[in-house]
Structure formats: C-alpha cells, structure tokens
Amino acid sequence: MSAEEARSFPNGALPDEAQIRACIRCGLCSAVCPVYQETFLETDAPRGRIALVRAVLEGRLQPGKRFKKVVYECLYCQACTTLCRPACAPTS
C-alpha cells in the first residue's frame, strides 16, 4: 500500500488485516451502529466499512473521497465490537 493510500485512513493508521478478514458479514453490528441507524446505507455500517477497507487492502479499490468520507464518519464508539462474534475491532 502506498503512502498516499495510507493517508486515507484516520491518522494514517492501517487496520489490522487479520481483524478485517475475521469479519463473517453477519450484520449484527448494524443494529448498534449510530451512523448506520441514521443513514441506513450499507457502507455506513461497520460491515460495509470493513468490506471497503478490505477492498483497498487487497488492491481492488483505490481510496477516493467517498472512501475517506465513509471511514472518517465512524464515531469509534466501539458499539459494534460488543456484538461481533469473531471480535473484529475496526478501530484498531
């Protein structure tokens, strides 16, 4: 991943790839995500954010303005981690 792509993440902190791959896409996280509850957009749910981050990490997506907006809209409240069975921690 290039330095420019790394800057797309908050504070340039790349997510832990093992945690990103642990997501089984069950959707339990959506029920407690305050951003998703406001927009009802899949990309605003933790599951959607994880899918976008995974696509960037795998080189299938170039991070642009929309990607940055989605990543930076996360409130980092950690509510999603309370229901996450594989214990994904999207804020790590």
PDB file of N, CA and C in Angstrom:
ATOM      1  N   MET A   1       0.848  -1.167   0.000  1.00  0.00           N
ATOM      2  CA  MET A   1       0.000   0.000   0.000  1.00  0.00           C
ATOM      3  C   MET A   1       0.896   1.233   0.000  1.00  0.00           C
ATOM      4  N   SER A   2       0.540   2.194  -0.808  1.00  0.00           N
ATOM      5  CA  SER A   2       1.349   3.400  -0.923  1.00  0.00           C
ATOM      6  C   SER A   2       1.116   4.335   0.259  1.00  0.00           C
ATOM      7  N   ALA A   3       2.006   5.291   0.410  1.00  0.00           N
ATOM      8  CA  ALA A   3       1.866   6.282   1.474  1.00  0.00           C
ATOM      9  C   ALA A   3       0.587   7.094   1.271  1.00  0.00           C
ATOM     10  N   GLU A   4       0.248   7.377   0.026  1.00  0.00           N
ATOM     11  CA  GLU A   4      -0.979   8.128  -0.275  1.00  0.00           C
ATOM     12  C   GLU A   4      -2.210   7.340   0.175  1.00  0.00           C
ATOM     13  N   GLU A   5      -2.235   6.047  -0.085  1.00  0.00           N
ATOM     14  CA  GLU A   5      -3.359   5.212   0.344  1.00  0.00           C
ATOM     15  C   GLU A   5      -3.432   5.138   1.861  1.00  0.00           C
ATOM     16  N   ALA A   6      -2.302   5.069   2.515  1.00  0.00           N
ATOM     17  CA  ALA A   6      -2.289   5.016   3.977  1.00  0.00           C
ATOM     18  C   ALA A   6      -2.875   6.274   4.580  1.00  0.00           C
ATOM     19  N   ARG A   7      -2.695   7.405   3.911  1.00  0.00           N
ATOM     20  CA  ARG A   7      -3.267   8.660   4.420  1.00  0.00           C
ATOM     21  C   ARG A   7      -4.778   8.686   4.332  1.00  0.00           C
ATOM     22  N   SER A   8      -5.380   7.753   3.633  1.00  0.00           N
ATOM     23  CA  SER A   8      -6.834   7.679   3.544  1.00  0.00           C
ATOM     24  C   SER A   8      -7.461   7.192   4.842  1.00  0.00           C
ATOM     25  N   PHE A   9      -6.657   6.595   5.703  1.00  0.00           N
ATOM     26  CA  PHE A   9      -7.147   6.087   6.974  1.00  0.00           C
ATOM     27  C   PHE A   9      -6.898   7.128   8.064  1.00  0.00           C
ATOM     28  N   PRO A  10      -7.781   7.188   9.069  1.00  0.00           N
ATOM     29  CA  PRO A  10      -7.590   8.154  10.158  1.00  0.00           C
ATOM     30  C   PRO A  10      -6.191   8.039  10.763  1.00  0.00           C
ATOM     31  N   ASN A  11      -5.521   9.170  10.878  1.00  0.00           N
ATOM     32  CA  ASN A  11      -4.164   9.251  11.432  1.00  0.00           C
ATOM     33  C   ASN A  11      -3.170   8.368  10.689  1.00  0.00           C
ATOM     34  N   GLY A  12      -3.485   7.954   9.475  1.00  0.00           N
ATOM     35  CA  GLY A  12      -2.599   7.101   8.700  1.00  0.00           C
ATOM     36  C   GLY A  12      -2.437   5.712   9.282  1.00  0.00           C
ATOM     37  N   ALA A  13      -3.313   5.357  10.230  1.00  0.00           N
ATOM     38  CA  ALA A  13      -3.222   4.061  10.911  1.00  0.00           C
ATOM     39  C   ALA A  13      -3.923   2.992  10.082  1.00  0.00           C
ATOM     40  N   LEU A  14      -3.152   2.066   9.567  1.00  0.00           N
ATOM     41  CA  LEU A  14      -3.737   0.980   8.785  1.00  0.00           C
ATOM     42  C   LEU A  14      -4.416  -0.017   9.714  1.00  0.00           C
ATOM     43  N   PRO A  15      -5.579  -0.507   9.314  1.00  0.00           N
ATOM     44  CA  PRO A  15      -6.259  -1.505  10.137  1.00  0.00           C
ATOM     45  C   PRO A  15      -5.520  -2.836  10.131  1.00  0.00           C
ATOM     46  N   ASP A  16      -5.734  -3.617  11.153  1.00  0.00           N
ATOM     47  CA  ASP A  16      -5.130  -4.943  11.268  1.00  0.00           C
ATOM     48  C   ASP A  16      -5.819  -5.857  10.250  1.00  0.00           C
ATOM     49  N   GLU A  17      -5.057  -6.329   9.289  1.00  0.00           N
ATOM     50  CA  GLU A  17      -5.633  -7.132   8.210  1.00  0.00           C
ATOM     51  C   GLU A  17      -6.281  -8.416   8.727  1.00  0.00           C
ATOM     52  N   ALA A  18      -5.736  -9.009   9.768  1.00  0.00           N
ATOM     53  CA  ALA A  18      -6.326 -10.232  10.336  1.00  0.00           C
ATOM     54  C   ALA A  18      -7.719  -9.952  10.888  1.00  0.00           C
ATOM     55  N   GLN A  19      -7.893  -8.805  11.514  1.00  0.00           N
ATOM     56  CA  GLN A  19      -9.206  -8.454  12.043  1.00  0.00           C
ATOM     57  C   GLN A  19     -10.189  -8.165  10.917  1.00  0.00           C
ATOM     58  N   ILE A  20      -9.712  -7.521   9.873  1.00  0.00           N
ATOM     59  CA  ILE A  20     -10.575  -7.241   8.722  1.00  0.00           C
ATOM     60  C   ILE A  20     -11.048  -8.554   8.098  1.00  0.00           C
ATOM     61  N   ARG A  21     -10.154  -9.510   7.960  1.00  0.00           N
ATOM     62  CA  ARG A  21     -10.518 -10.805   7.369  1.00  0.00           C
ATOM     63  C   ARG A  21     -11.389 -11.652   8.297  1.00  0.00           C
ATOM     64  N   ALA A  22     -11.408 -11.339   9.581  1.00  0.00           N
ATOM     65  CA  ALA A  22     -12.212 -12.108  10.539  1.00  0.00           C
ATOM     66  C   ALA A  22     -13.707 -11.819  10.406  1.00  0.00           C
ATOM     67  N   CYS A  23     -14.054 -10.729   9.773  1.00  0.00           N
ATOM     68  CA  CYS A  23     -15.473 -10.363   9.630  1.00  0.00           C
ATOM     69  C   CYS A  23     -16.206 -11.429   8.810  1.00  0.00           C
ATOM     70  N   ILE A  24     -17.263 -11.977   9.388  1.00  0.00           N
ATOM     71  CA  ILE A  24     -18.047 -13.001   8.687  1.00  0.00           C
ATOM     72  C   ILE A  24     -19.306 -12.415   8.046  1.00  0.00           C
ATOM     73  N   ARG A  25     -19.429 -11.099   8.069  1.00  0.00           N
ATOM     74  CA  ARG A  25     -20.517 -10.367   7.426  1.00  0.00           C
ATOM     75  C   ARG A  25     -21.906 -10.748   7.935  1.00  0.00           C
ATOM     76  N   CYS A  26     -22.002 -10.995   9.232  1.00  0.00           N
ATOM     77  CA  CYS A  26     -23.286 -11.388   9.818  1.00  0.00           C
ATOM     78  C   CYS A  26     -24.251 -10.215   9.932  1.00  0.00           C
ATOM     79  N   GLY A  27     -23.736  -9.003  10.082  1.00  0.00           N
ATOM     80  CA  GLY A  27     -24.574  -7.821  10.158  1.00  0.00           C
ATOM     81  C   GLY A  27     -25.074  -7.446  11.539  1.00  0.00           C
ATOM     82  N   LEU A  28     -24.693  -8.186  12.564  1.00  0.00           N
ATOM     83  CA  LEU A  28     -25.133  -7.848  13.917  1.00  0.00           C
ATOM     84  C   LEU A  28     -24.686  -6.441  14.309  1.00  0.00           C
ATOM     85  N   CYS A  29     -23.556  -6.035  13.808  1.00  0.00           N
ATOM     86  CA  CYS A  29     -23.000  -4.723  14.140  1.00  0.00           C
ATOM     87  C   CYS A  29     -23.901  -3.573  13.693  1.00  0.00           C
ATOM     88  N   SER A  30     -24.654  -3.770  12.627  1.00  0.00           N
ATOM     89  CA  SER A  30     -25.500  -2.703  12.098  1.00  0.00           C
ATOM     90  C   SER A  30     -26.572  -2.262  13.091  1.00  0.00           C
ATOM     91  N   ALA A  31     -27.012  -3.177  13.916  1.00  0.00           N
ATOM     92  CA  ALA A  31     -28.079  -2.867  14.874  1.00  0.00           C
ATOM     93  C   ALA A  31     -27.655  -1.852  15.923  1.00  0.00           C
ATOM     94  N   VAL A  32     -26.364  -1.743  16.182  1.00  0.00           N
ATOM     95  CA  VAL A  32     -25.894  -0.845  17.232  1.00  0.00           C
ATOM     96  C   VAL A  32     -25.054   0.319  16.706  1.00  0.00           C
ATOM     97  N   CYS A  33     -24.854   0.401  15.419  1.00  0.00           N
ATOM     98  CA  CYS A  33     -24.039   1.474  14.846  1.00  0.00           C
ATOM     99  C   CYS A  33     -24.872   2.747  14.715  1.00  0.00           C
ATOM    100  N   PRO A  34     -24.508   3.813  15.447  1.00  0.00           N
ATOM    101  CA  PRO A  34     -25.297   5.042  15.378  1.00  0.00           C
ATOM    102  C   PRO A  34     -25.274   5.709  14.003  1.00  0.00           C
ATOM    103  N   VAL A  35     -24.186   5.590  13.269  1.00  0.00           N
ATOM    104  CA  VAL A  35     -24.122   6.193  11.939  1.00  0.00           C
ATOM    105  C   VAL A  35     -25.052   5.448  10.991  1.00  0.00           C
ATOM    106  N   TYR A  36     -25.006   4.123  11.026  1.00  0.00           N
ATOM    107  CA  TYR A  36     -25.884   3.322  10.163  1.00  0.00           C
ATOM    108  C   TYR A  36     -27.353   3.565  10.513  1.00  0.00           C
ATOM    109  N   GLN A  37     -27.658   3.710  11.774  1.00  0.00           N
ATOM    110  CA  GLN A  37     -29.043   3.935  12.195  1.00  0.00           C
ATOM    111  C   GLN A  37     -29.590   5.265  11.671  1.00  0.00           C
ATOM    112  N   GLU A  38     -28.719   6.194  11.375  1.00  0.00           N
ATOM    113  CA  GLU A  38     -29.141   7.475  10.800  1.00  0.00           C
ATOM    114  C   GLU A  38     -29.299   7.406   9.286  1.00  0.00           C
ATOM    115  N   THR A  39     -28.415   6.690   8.610  1.00  0.00           N
ATOM    116  CA  THR A  39     -28.393   6.718   7.144  1.00  0.00           C
ATOM    117  C   THR A  39     -29.009   5.493   6.487  1.00  0.00           C
ATOM    118  N   PHE A  40     -28.936   4.355   7.134  1.00  0.00           N
ATOM    119  CA  PHE A  40     -29.361   3.061   6.589  1.00  0.00           C
ATOM    120  C   PHE A  40     -28.655   2.731   5.275  1.00  0.00           C
ATOM    121  N   LEU A  41     -27.428   3.226   5.133  1.00  0.00           N
ATOM    122  CA  LEU A  41     -26.588   2.880   3.985  1.00  0.00           C
ATOM    123  C   LEU A  41     -25.621   1.784   4.412  1.00  0.00           C
ATOM    124  N   GLU A  42     -25.533   0.742   3.636  1.00  0.00           N
ATOM    125  CA  GLU A  42     -24.663  -0.389   3.977  1.00  0.00           C
ATOM    126  C   GLU A  42     -23.208   0.037   4.160  1.00  0.00           C
ATOM    127  N   THR A  43     -22.765   1.000   3.368  1.00  0.00           N
ATOM    128  CA  THR A  43     -21.381   1.444   3.507  1.00  0.00           C
ATOM    129  C   THR A  43     -21.139   2.161   4.832  1.00  0.00           C
ATOM    130  N   ASP A  44     -22.187   2.645   5.470  1.00  0.00           N
ATOM    131  CA  ASP A  44     -22.050   3.314   6.762  1.00  0.00           C
ATOM    132  C   ASP A  44     -22.119   2.347   7.934  1.00  0.00           C
ATOM    133  N   ALA A  45     -22.445   1.105   7.675  1.00  0.00           N
ATOM    134  CA  ALA A  45     -22.452   0.078   8.726  1.00  0.00           C
ATOM    135  C   ALA A  45     -21.027  -0.445   8.885  1.00  0.00           C
ATOM    136  N   PRO A  46     -20.670  -0.935  10.048  1.00  0.00           N
ATOM    137  CA  PRO A  46     -19.326  -1.500  10.217  1.00  0.00           C
ATOM    138  C   PRO A  46     -19.003  -2.567   9.171  1.00  0.00           C
ATOM    139  N   ARG A  47     -19.979  -3.396   8.849  1.00  0.00           N
ATOM    140  CA  ARG A  47     -19.765  -4.441   7.851  1.00  0.00           C
ATOM    141  C   ARG A  47     -19.408  -3.834   6.494  1.00  0.00           C
ATOM    142  N   GLY A  48     -20.061  -2.764   6.128  1.00  0.00           N
ATOM    143  CA  GLY A  48     -19.773  -2.087   4.868  1.00  0.00           C
ATOM    144  C   GLY A  48     -18.412  -1.431   4.866  1.00  0.00           C
ATOM    145  N   ARG A  49     -18.066  -0.808   5.996  1.00  0.00           N
ATOM    146  CA  ARG A  49     -16.746  -0.183   6.109  1.00  0.00           C
ATOM    147  C   ARG A  49     -15.640  -1.234   6.003  1.00  0.00           C
ATOM    148  N   ILE A  50     -15.866  -2.343   6.666  1.00  0.00           N
ATOM    149  CA  ILE A  50     -14.874  -3.424   6.625  1.00  0.00           C
ATOM    150  C   ILE A  50     -14.706  -3.929   5.193  1.00  0.00           C
ATOM    151  N   ALA A  51     -15.810  -4.060   4.464  1.00  0.00           N
ATOM    152  CA  ALA A  51     -15.729  -4.514   3.070  1.00  0.00           C
ATOM    153  C   ALA A  51     -14.932  -3.531   2.219  1.00  0.00           C
ATOM    154  N   LEU A  52     -15.148  -2.237   2.431  1.00  0.00           N
ATOM    155  CA  LEU A  52     -14.407  -1.228   1.674  1.00  0.00           C
ATOM    156  C   LEU A  52     -12.923  -1.256   2.031  1.00  0.00           C
ATOM    157  N   VAL A  53     -12.620  -1.344   3.312  1.00  0.00           N
ATOM    158  CA  VAL A  53     -11.222  -1.389   3.749  1.00  0.00           C
ATOM    159  C   VAL A  53     -10.543  -2.632   3.193  1.00  0.00           C
ATOM    160  N   ARG A  54     -11.251  -3.731   3.218  1.00  0.00           N
ATOM    161  CA  ARG A  54     -10.688  -4.973   2.681  1.00  0.00           C
ATOM    162  C   ARG A  54     -10.368  -4.836   1.192  1.00  0.00           C
ATOM    163  N   ALA A  55     -11.280  -4.197   0.462  1.00  0.00           N
ATOM    164  CA  ALA A  55     -11.064  -3.997  -0.973  1.00  0.00           C
ATOM    165  C   ALA A  55      -9.832  -3.123  -1.223  1.00  0.00           C
ATOM    166  N   VAL A  56      -9.624  -2.118  -0.382  1.00  0.00           N
ATOM    167  CA  VAL A  56      -8.438  -1.263  -0.518  1.00  0.00           C
ATOM    168  C   VAL A  56      -7.182  -2.056  -0.192  1.00  0.00           C
ATOM    169  N   LEU A  57      -7.214  -2.801   0.898  1.00  0.00           N
ATOM    170  CA  LEU A  57      -6.043  -3.580   1.291  1.00  0.00           C
ATOM    171  C   LEU A  57      -5.669  -4.624   0.247  1.00  0.00           C
ATOM    172  N   GLU A  58      -6.673  -5.164  -0.447  1.00  0.00           N
ATOM    173  CA  GLU A  58      -6.424  -6.176  -1.483  1.00  0.00           C
ATOM    174  C   GLU A  58      -6.118  -5.561  -2.845  1.00  0.00           C
ATOM    175  N   GLY A  59      -6.177  -4.238  -2.940  1.00  0.00           N
ATOM    176  CA  GLY A  59      -5.872  -3.572  -4.201  1.00  0.00           C
ATOM    177  C   GLY A  59      -7.012  -3.561  -5.199  1.00  0.00           C
ATOM    178  N   ARG A  60      -8.221  -3.904  -4.776  1.00  0.00           N
ATOM    179  CA  ARG A  60      -9.371  -3.910  -5.677  1.00  0.00           C
ATOM    180  C   ARG A  60     -10.065  -2.557  -5.756  1.00  0.00           C
ATOM    181  N   LEU A  61      -9.705  -1.647  -4.867  1.00  0.00           N
ATOM    182  CA  LEU A  61     -10.334  -0.330  -4.811  1.00  0.00           C
ATOM    183  C   LEU A  61      -9.276   0.707  -4.467  1.00  0.00           C
ATOM    184  N   GLN A  62      -9.300   1.792  -5.183  1.00  0.00           N
ATOM    185  CA  GLN A  62      -8.413   2.911  -4.860  1.00  0.00           C
ATOM    186  C   GLN A  62      -9.178   3.851  -3.935  1.00  0.00           C
ATOM    187  N   PRO A  63      -8.604   4.205  -2.796  1.00  0.00           N
ATOM    188  CA  PRO A  63      -9.322   5.086  -1.882  1.00  0.00           C
ATOM    189  C   PRO A  63      -9.477   6.479  -2.470  1.00  0.00           C
ATOM    190  N   GLY A  64     -10.707   6.939  -2.517  1.00  0.00           N
ATOM    191  CA  GLY A  64     -11.010   8.273  -3.023  1.00  0.00           C
ATOM    192  C   GLY A  64     -11.754   9.072  -1.978  1.00  0.00           C
ATOM    193  N   LYS A  65     -12.416  10.121  -2.409  1.00  0.00           N
ATOM    194  CA  LYS A  65     -13.144  10.995  -1.484  1.00  0.00           C
ATOM    195  C   LYS A  65     -14.259  10.251  -0.749  1.00  0.00           C
ATOM    196  N   ARG A  66     -15.008   9.440  -1.458  1.00  0.00           N
ATOM    197  CA  ARG A  66     -16.116   8.705  -0.820  1.00  0.00           C
ATOM    198  C   ARG A  66     -15.577   7.720   0.217  1.00  0.00           C
ATOM    199  N   PHE A  67     -14.483   7.045  -0.106  1.00  0.00           N
ATOM    200  CA  PHE A  67     -13.884   6.112   0.845  1.00  0.00           C
ATOM    201  C   PHE A  67     -13.480   6.849   2.117  1.00  0.00           C
ATOM    202  N   LYS A  68     -12.785   7.973   1.959  1.00  0.00           N
ATOM    203  CA  LYS A  68     -12.374   8.748   3.125  1.00  0.00           C
ATOM    204  C   LYS A  68     -13.578   9.194   3.946  1.00  0.00           C
ATOM    205  N   LYS A  69     -14.623   9.630   3.266  1.00  0.00           N
ATOM    206  CA  LYS A  69     -15.829  10.083   3.974  1.00  0.00           C
ATOM    207  C   LYS A  69     -16.413   8.950   4.814  1.00  0.00           C
ATOM    208  N   VAL A  70     -16.525   7.773   4.227  1.00  0.00           N
ATOM    209  CA  VAL A  70     -17.087   6.624   4.941  1.00  0.00           C
ATOM    210  C   VAL A  70     -16.214   6.240   6.135  1.00  0.00           C
ATOM    211  N   VAL A  71     -14.912   6.174   5.939  1.00  0.00           N
ATOM    212  CA  VAL A  71     -14.004   5.775   7.013  1.00  0.00           C
ATOM    213  C   VAL A  71     -14.010   6.815   8.132  1.00  0.00           C
ATOM    214  N   TYR A  72     -13.979   8.077   7.773  1.00  0.00           N
ATOM    215  CA  TYR A  72     -13.906   9.129   8.789  1.00  0.00           C
ATOM    216  C   TYR A  72     -15.241   9.371   9.490  1.00  0.00           C
ATOM    217  N   GLU A  73     -16.354   8.897   8.937  1.00  0.00           N
ATOM    218  CA  GLU A  73     -17.646   9.081   9.603  1.00  0.00           C
ATOM    219  C   GLU A  73     -17.845   8.125  10.772  1.00  0.00           C
ATOM    220  N   CYS A  74     -17.018   7.106  10.869  1.00  0.00           N
ATOM    221  CA  CYS A  74     -17.119   6.195  12.005  1.00  0.00           C
ATOM    222  C   CYS A  74     -16.866   6.991  13.282  1.00  0.00           C
ATOM    223  N   LEU A  75     -17.728   6.812  14.278  1.00  0.00           N
ATOM    224  CA  LEU A  75     -17.603   7.545  15.538  1.00  0.00           C
ATOM    225  C   LEU A  75     -16.614   6.901  16.496  1.00  0.00           C
ATOM    226  N   TYR A  76     -16.124   5.720  16.161  1.00  0.00           N
ATOM    227  CA  TYR A  76     -15.188   4.980  17.016  1.00  0.00           C
ATOM    228  C   TYR A  76     -15.760   4.774  18.421  1.00  0.00           C
ATOM    229  N   CYS A  77     -17.068   4.547  18.467  1.00  0.00           N
ATOM    230  CA  CYS A  77     -17.738   4.335  19.758  1.00  0.00           C
ATOM    231  C   CYS A  77     -17.552   2.912  20.271  1.00  0.00           C
ATOM    232  N   GLN A  78     -17.141   2.005  19.370  1.00  0.00           N
ATOM    233  CA  GLN A  78     -16.875   0.603  19.691  1.00  0.00           C
ATOM    234  C   GLN A  78     -18.145  -0.209  19.978  1.00  0.00           C
ATOM    235  N   ALA A  79     -19.321   0.362  19.734  1.00  0.00           N
ATOM    236  CA  ALA A  79     -20.561  -0.380  19.964  1.00  0.00           C
ATOM    237  C   ALA A  79     -20.600  -1.650  19.118  1.00  0.00           C
ATOM    238  N   CYS A  80     -20.060  -1.602  17.929  1.00  0.00           N
ATOM    239  CA  CYS A  80     -20.073  -2.760  17.028  1.00  0.00           C
ATOM    240  C   CYS A  80     -19.278  -3.930  17.596  1.00  0.00           C
ATOM    241  N   THR A  81     -18.248  -3.631  18.350  1.00  0.00           N
ATOM    242  CA  THR A  81     -17.402  -4.710  18.863  1.00  0.00           C
ATOM    243  C   THR A  81     -18.086  -5.522  19.963  1.00  0.00           C
ATOM    244  N   THR A  82     -19.109  -4.958  20.593  1.00  0.00           N
ATOM    245  CA  THR A  82     -19.799  -5.692  21.662  1.00  0.00           C
ATOM    246  C   THR A  82     -20.602  -6.863  21.119  1.00  0.00           C
ATOM    247  N   LEU A  83     -21.050  -6.754  19.879  1.00  0.00           N
ATOM    248  CA  LEU A  83     -21.855  -7.820  19.274  1.00  0.00           C
ATOM    249  C   LEU A  83     -21.083  -8.669  18.274  1.00  0.00           C
ATOM    250  N   CYS A  84     -19.862  -8.332  18.032  1.00  0.00           N
ATOM    251  CA  CYS A  84     -19.087  -9.002  16.988  1.00  0.00           C
ATOM    252  C   CYS A  84     -18.585 -10.368  17.468  1.00  0.00           C
ATOM    253  N   ARG A  85     -19.071 -11.410  16.826  1.00  0.00           N
ATOM    254  CA  ARG A  85     -18.670 -12.762  17.205  1.00  0.00           C
ATOM    255  C   ARG A  85     -17.209 -13.061  16.930  1.00  0.00           C
ATOM    256  N   PRO A  86     -16.692 -12.728  15.758  1.00  0.00           N
ATOM    257  CA  PRO A  86     -15.261 -13.008  15.550  1.00  0.00           C
ATOM    258  C   PRO A  86     -14.364 -11.949  16.178  1.00  0.00           C
ATOM    259  N   ALA A  87     -14.957 -11.033  16.912  1.00  0.00           N
ATOM    260  CA  ALA A  87     -14.210  -9.971  17.613  1.00  0.00           C
ATOM    261  C   ALA A  87     -13.401  -9.090  16.678  1.00  0.00           C
ATOM    262  N   CYS A  88     -14.052  -8.648  15.598  1.00  0.00           N
ATOM    263  CA  CYS A  88     -13.418  -7.670  14.738  1.00  0.00           C
ATOM    264  C   CYS A  88     -13.342  -6.367  15.512  1.00  0.00           C
ATOM    265  N   ALA A  89     -12.266  -5.692  15.382  1.00  0.00           N
ATOM    266  CA  ALA A  89     -12.115  -4.402  16.041  1.00  0.00           C
ATOM    267  C   ALA A  89     -11.713  -3.383  14.991  1.00  0.00           C
ATOM    268  N   PRO A  90     -12.704  -2.796  14.273  1.00  0.00           N
ATOM    269  CA  PRO A  90     -12.384  -1.931  13.168  1.00  0.00           C
ATOM    270  C   PRO A  90     -11.617  -0.676  13.561  1.00  0.00           C
ATOM    271  N   THR A  91     -11.507  -0.373  14.824  1.00  0.00           N
ATOM    272  CA  THR A  91     -10.800   0.830  15.224  1.00  0.00           C
ATOM    273  C   THR A  91      -9.358   0.570  15.595  1.00  0.00           C
ATOM    274  N   SER A  92      -8.920  -0.664  15.550  1.00  0.00           N
ATOM    275  CA  SER A  92      -7.522  -0.959  15.923  1.00  0.00           C
ATOM    276  C   SER A  92      -6.582  -0.584  14.818  1.00  0.00           C
TER     277      SER A  92
END
